[in-house]
Protein backbone atom coordinates (compact mmCIF):
# COMPACT_ATOMS: atom_id res chain seq x y z
CA MET A 1 -17.32 -18.93 2.36
CA ILE A 2 -13.98 -17.09 2.53
CA ILE A 3 -10.87 -17.49 0.35
CA LEU A 4 -7.51 -16.11 1.47
CA LYS A 5 -4.73 -15.97 -1.12
CA ASP A 6 -1.00 -15.53 -0.40
CA LYS A 7 0.08 -17.86 2.41
CA LYS A 8 3.08 -15.88 3.59
CA ASP A 9 1.09 -14.37 6.43
CA ILE A 10 -1.83 -16.79 6.79
CA LYS A 11 0.46 -19.63 7.82
CA PHE A 12 1.09 -17.69 11.05
CA ALA A 13 -2.61 -17.32 11.87
CA PRO A 14 -3.56 -18.55 15.37
CA GLU A 15 -5.70 -21.67 15.74
CA THR A 16 -8.66 -19.51 16.75
CA PHE A 17 -8.57 -17.53 13.48
CA LEU A 18 -12.00 -17.65 11.78
CA LYS A 19 -12.81 -20.76 13.81
CA ASP A 20 -16.56 -20.31 13.30
CA TYR A 21 -16.34 -19.78 9.53
CA GLU A 22 -15.66 -21.88 6.46
CA TRP A 23 -12.48 -20.70 4.75
CA GLU A 24 -9.61 -21.86 2.56
CA SER A 25 -6.06 -20.60 2.06
CA HIS A 26 -4.32 -20.65 -1.34
CA GLY A 27 -0.84 -19.64 -2.46
CA GLN A 28 -0.21 -16.64 -4.66
CA TYR A 29 0.18 -18.73 -7.79
CA ASP A 30 -2.27 -21.51 -6.99
CA SER A 31 -4.63 -22.32 -9.82
CA LEU A 32 -8.23 -21.16 -9.53
CA ASN A 33 -9.58 -23.52 -12.17
CA PHE A 34 -12.75 -24.22 -10.23
CA ILE A 35 -16.03 -22.49 -9.49
CA ASN A 36 -17.39 -21.87 -6.01
CA LYS A 37 -20.60 -19.86 -5.95
CA ASP A 38 -20.59 -19.71 -2.15
CA VAL A 39 -17.50 -17.51 -1.84
CA LYS A 40 -18.50 -14.03 -0.67
CA VAL A 41 -15.12 -12.69 0.48
CA LEU A 42 -11.72 -12.94 -1.19
CA SER A 43 -8.65 -11.59 0.58
CA VAL A 44 -5.25 -11.12 -1.04
CA GLN A 45 -1.96 -9.58 -0.08
CA PHE A 46 -0.02 -9.08 -3.32
CA SER A 47 -1.89 -11.33 -5.78
CA THR A 48 -3.46 -9.61 -8.76
CA ILE A 49 -7.21 -10.06 -9.05
CA GLY A 50 -7.89 -11.19 -12.59
CA GLU A 51 -10.41 -12.99 -14.75
CA LYS A 52 -9.67 -16.38 -13.14
CA SER A 53 -10.76 -15.03 -9.77
CA TYR A 54 -13.96 -13.56 -11.13
CA ARG A 55 -14.82 -16.81 -12.90
CA ALA A 56 -14.00 -18.90 -9.84
CA PHE A 57 -16.16 -16.77 -7.53
CA PRO A 58 -19.17 -15.51 -9.53
CA ASN A 59 -21.02 -14.32 -6.40
CA LEU A 60 -18.07 -12.51 -4.84
CA GLU A 61 -19.10 -9.45 -2.82
CA TRP A 62 -15.92 -8.15 -1.20
CA ILE A 63 -12.17 -8.10 -1.82
CA ILE A 64 -9.98 -7.41 1.21
CA VAL A 65 -6.41 -6.32 0.42
CA ARG A 66 -3.97 -7.03 3.24
CA GLN A 67 -1.60 -4.15 2.49
CA HIS A 68 -1.67 -0.39 2.02
CA GLY A 69 -1.91 -0.11 -1.75
CA TYR A 70 -4.63 -1.60 -3.90
CA ASP A 71 -3.23 -1.25 -7.42
CA ASN A 72 -3.47 -5.04 -7.78
CA VAL A 73 -7.27 -4.70 -7.96
CA ASN A 74 -9.08 -3.48 -11.09
CA PHE A 75 -11.76 -1.12 -9.76
CA GLU A 76 -13.56 -0.89 -13.08
CA GLU A 77 -14.10 -4.65 -13.15
CA CYS A 78 -15.20 -4.61 -9.51
CA GLU A 79 -17.78 -1.94 -10.24
CA LYS A 80 -19.15 -4.00 -13.13
CA ARG A 81 -19.53 -6.99 -10.81
CA ASN A 82 -20.75 -5.03 -7.78
CA ILE A 83 -17.72 -6.01 -5.69
CA GLY A 84 -16.58 -3.78 -2.83
CA VAL A 85 -12.91 -3.31 -1.91
CA VAL A 86 -11.38 -2.87 1.55
CA ILE A 87 -7.77 -2.45 2.64
CA THR A 88 -6.53 -3.35 6.12
CA LYS A 89 -3.33 -1.20 6.27
CA PRO A 90 -1.56 -3.68 8.56
CA PHE A 91 2.00 -2.39 8.12
CA ALA A 92 1.58 1.28 9.02
CA GLN A 93 3.81 1.15 12.09
CA SER A 94 6.58 -1.01 10.62
CA THR A 95 6.72 1.11 7.45
CA ALA A 96 6.82 4.31 9.51
CA ASP A 97 9.62 2.77 11.57
CA TRP A 98 11.55 2.18 8.33
CA ILE A 99 11.13 5.88 7.52
CA ASN A 100 12.00 7.03 11.04
CA GLN A 101 15.43 5.36 10.92
CA PHE A 102 16.48 7.87 8.25
CA VAL A 103 15.07 10.96 9.99
CA ASP A 104 17.48 12.92 12.19
CA ALA A 105 16.40 14.97 15.19
CA ASP A 106 17.28 18.29 13.56
CA ASP A 107 15.72 17.53 10.15
CA LYS A 108 13.15 19.96 8.81
CA VAL A 109 10.65 17.60 7.22
CA LEU A 110 8.03 18.11 4.55
CA LEU A 111 5.62 15.19 4.82
CA ILE A 112 3.64 14.47 1.65
CA GLY A 113 0.84 12.13 2.68
CA ASN A 114 -0.45 12.05 6.24
CA GLY A 115 -2.45 8.83 6.26
CA ALA A 116 -1.94 5.63 8.25
CA ILE A 117 1.83 5.64 7.64
CA GLY A 118 2.56 9.35 7.52
CA SER A 119 0.76 10.01 10.81
CA LYS A 120 3.29 7.73 12.55
CA VAL A 121 6.40 9.51 11.24
CA LYS A 122 8.38 11.01 14.13
CA CYS A 123 10.10 14.37 13.79
CA ASN A 124 10.51 17.49 15.93
CA ASN A 125 9.98 19.82 12.97
CA ILE A 126 7.45 18.56 10.45
CA SER A 127 5.16 20.26 7.93
CA ILE A 128 2.38 18.55 5.97
CA LEU A 129 1.81 19.35 2.33
CA ASN A 130 -1.79 20.21 1.55
CA ARG A 131 -3.37 17.88 -0.99
CA GLY A 132 -3.16 19.04 -4.59
CA LYS A 133 -0.36 21.57 -4.08
CA VAL A 134 3.25 21.43 -5.23
CA CYS A 135 6.36 22.29 -3.29
CA ASP A 136 7.80 25.78 -3.35
CA LYS A 137 10.94 27.09 -1.70
CA ALA A 138 9.73 26.15 1.74
CA ASP A 139 12.03 25.81 4.71
CA PHE A 140 12.66 22.06 4.73
CA ASP A 141 15.64 19.82 4.06
CA THR A 142 13.95 16.40 4.11
CA MET A 143 11.05 15.28 1.94
CA ILE A 144 9.01 12.18 2.82
CA LEU A 145 6.55 10.62 0.35
CA THR A 146 3.78 8.35 1.66
CA ILE A 147 1.02 9.14 -0.86
CA PRO A 148 -0.85 6.39 -2.78
CA PRO A 149 -0.34 5.94 -6.54
CA GLU A 150 -3.95 6.69 -7.45
CA ASN A 151 -4.10 10.12 -9.16
CA ASN A 152 -0.49 10.81 -8.15
CA LYS A 153 1.52 9.57 -11.13
CA HIS A 154 4.84 11.47 -11.29
CA PHE A 155 3.86 13.68 -8.39
CA LEU A 156 7.58 13.93 -7.66
CA ASN A 157 8.56 15.61 -10.91
CA ASN A 158 10.89 18.36 -12.10
CA GLU A 159 8.49 21.05 -10.87
CA VAL A 160 8.87 19.72 -7.33
CA LEU A 161 12.53 18.72 -7.42
CA LYS A 162 13.95 21.88 -8.99
CA ASN A 163 13.25 23.79 -5.77
CA PHE A 164 14.36 21.10 -3.36
CA LYS A 165 17.75 20.42 -1.83
CA GLY A 166 18.20 17.70 0.76
CA LYS A 167 17.20 14.17 1.69
CA LEU A 168 14.40 12.21 0.03
CA ILE A 169 12.54 9.29 1.65
CA SER A 170 9.76 7.46 -0.21
CA VAL A 171 7.49 4.51 0.54
CA SER A 172 5.10 5.45 -2.26
CA ARG A 173 4.69 3.26 -5.33
CA SER A 174 7.21 3.72 -8.12
CA ASP A 175 4.78 5.60 -10.40
CA VAL A 176 4.71 8.49 -7.93
CA ILE A 177 8.34 9.31 -8.79
CA ASP A 178 9.47 10.58 -12.19
CA ASN A 179 12.85 8.85 -12.32
CA LYS A 180 14.13 11.06 -15.15
CA ALA A 181 13.33 14.18 -13.12
CA LEU A 182 15.03 12.66 -10.08
CA LEU A 183 18.12 11.85 -12.13
CA ASP A 184 18.19 15.34 -13.64
CA ASN A 185 18.08 16.86 -10.14
CA ILE A 186 20.25 14.30 -8.37
CA ASP A 187 22.95 16.90 -7.59
CA ASN A 188 20.44 18.57 -5.26
CA ILE A 189 19.78 15.30 -3.38
CA SER A 190 22.01 14.51 -0.41
CA HIS A 191 20.61 10.96 -0.43
CA ALA A 192 17.41 9.22 -1.51
CA TYR A 193 15.99 6.26 0.40
CA ILE A 194 13.41 4.72 -1.93
CA ASP A 195 11.44 1.58 -1.17
CA THR A 196 9.84 1.14 -4.60
CA LEU A 197 11.77 2.33 -7.64
CA GLY A 198 10.64 1.99 -11.25
CA ASP A 199 12.76 0.36 -13.97
CA GLU A 200 13.27 3.49 -16.05
CA TYR A 201 16.66 5.11 -15.25
CA ARG A 202 16.96 2.85 -12.20
CA LYS A 203 20.52 1.76 -13.01
CA GLU A 204 21.59 5.32 -13.67
CA LEU A 205 20.12 6.45 -10.35
CA LEU A 206 21.80 3.64 -8.42
CA ASP A 207 25.11 4.34 -10.15
CA THR A 208 25.13 7.84 -8.65
CA GLY A 209 25.67 6.32 -5.22
CA LYS A 210 23.00 8.64 -3.87
CA VAL A 211 20.07 6.24 -4.01
CA THR A 212 19.35 3.39 -1.61
CA TYR A 213 16.70 1.09 -3.06
CA THR A 214 15.11 -1.46 -0.70
CA LYS A 215 12.92 -3.34 -3.22
CA HIS A 216 9.55 -2.95 -1.50
CA THR A 217 10.63 -4.35 1.86
CA ALA A 218 9.97 -1.34 4.10
CA PHE A 219 6.74 -2.90 5.39
CA GLU A 220 8.78 -5.78 6.87
CA TYR A 221 11.01 -3.51 8.95
CA GLY A 222 11.02 -4.94 12.48
CA PHE A 223 7.75 -6.73 11.75
CA SER A 224 6.82 -10.35 12.46
CA TYR A 225 3.43 -12.00 12.21
CA GLU A 226 4.11 -14.04 15.32
CA ASN A 227 4.45 -10.90 17.45
CA ASN A 228 1.50 -8.99 16.00
CA ALA A 229 -1.70 -10.53 17.27
CA THR A 230 -3.72 -7.52 16.13
CA TYR A 231 -2.85 -8.34 12.51
CA PHE A 232 -5.15 -11.36 12.50
CA GLU A 233 -7.66 -9.83 14.90
CA ASP A 234 -8.11 -6.86 12.56
CA LEU A 235 -8.30 -9.08 9.48
CA GLU A 236 -10.90 -11.33 11.09
CA GLN A 237 -13.00 -8.34 12.12
CA GLN A 238 -12.78 -6.93 8.60
CA ILE A 239 -13.96 -10.24 7.14
CA LYS A 240 -16.88 -10.39 9.58
CA ASP A 241 -17.85 -6.82 8.71
CA CYS A 242 -17.88 -7.72 5.01
CA LEU A 243 -20.03 -10.80 5.59
CA ASN A 244 -22.47 -8.78 7.72
CA ASP A 245 -22.58 -5.67 5.49
CA LEU A 246 -21.04 -3.54 8.23
CA VAL A 247 -18.09 -2.10 6.32
CA SER A 248 -17.79 1.56 7.28
CA ARG A 249 -14.91 2.90 5.15
CA PRO A 250 -14.27 0.83 2.02
CA VAL A 251 -12.06 2.19 -0.74
CA LEU A 252 -14.77 1.02 -3.15
CA ARG A 253 -18.39 0.68 -2.07
CA ARG A 254 -20.89 -1.89 -3.25
CA SER A 255 -24.12 -0.65 -4.80
CA GLU A 256 -26.89 -3.18 -4.50
CA ARG A 257 -28.52 -3.73 -7.86
CA VAL A 258 -32.26 -3.21 -7.99
CA MET A 259 -34.13 -5.48 -10.39
CA PHE A 260 -37.37 -4.31 -11.98
């Protein structure tokens, strides 16, 4: 049995989607005041996985997140319950397209994060920051952030920004940016295009006129579910892999419990 939460995308699924499987679709805020022991796979887009979900599906084996981040899933609780986690990364191209609109042909780009999104950024002169290092006075005038929030809180801090002058583009989660450090160094920023911006010092940053904040909509740039058949094909294949224990690269693996 399969449960898919968040209907924004599922309502566009083709008639053939999961035609050979038993599944239900629920809205983001639909109540889960029931128990279904047959549910093995739960897929969400932006819904937070909480205690209601765990109670409703006591035999849950996999959570599939239909986005690029997975901070809406508590890994510690999943490990306790032996639940694996997979992400589908369906918006890599559209998010990269959002970034590319702000990149000029003669920009010298430092790309921080070269995953599904970063690998699709287009630029004639691009350098990739090695993981775990900070920026020095390198020869670049545009900085692009595509790193995940896990283990990267305030990666963009005063240590990084004090040596940087130019354009900033970020599709990382808000925690990756230290807003106070950004505000303190705003005179060095020609303009910042930020898709997810934290509350702290947000007003002050916007008041500078140097920050464009798009409220976590970059993934929608030029994207439509109707024109992306692979979205549902990839999701269906991921679900089948979970049901058949064929998941190759989960972000959290399941460890089968051995009873003695």
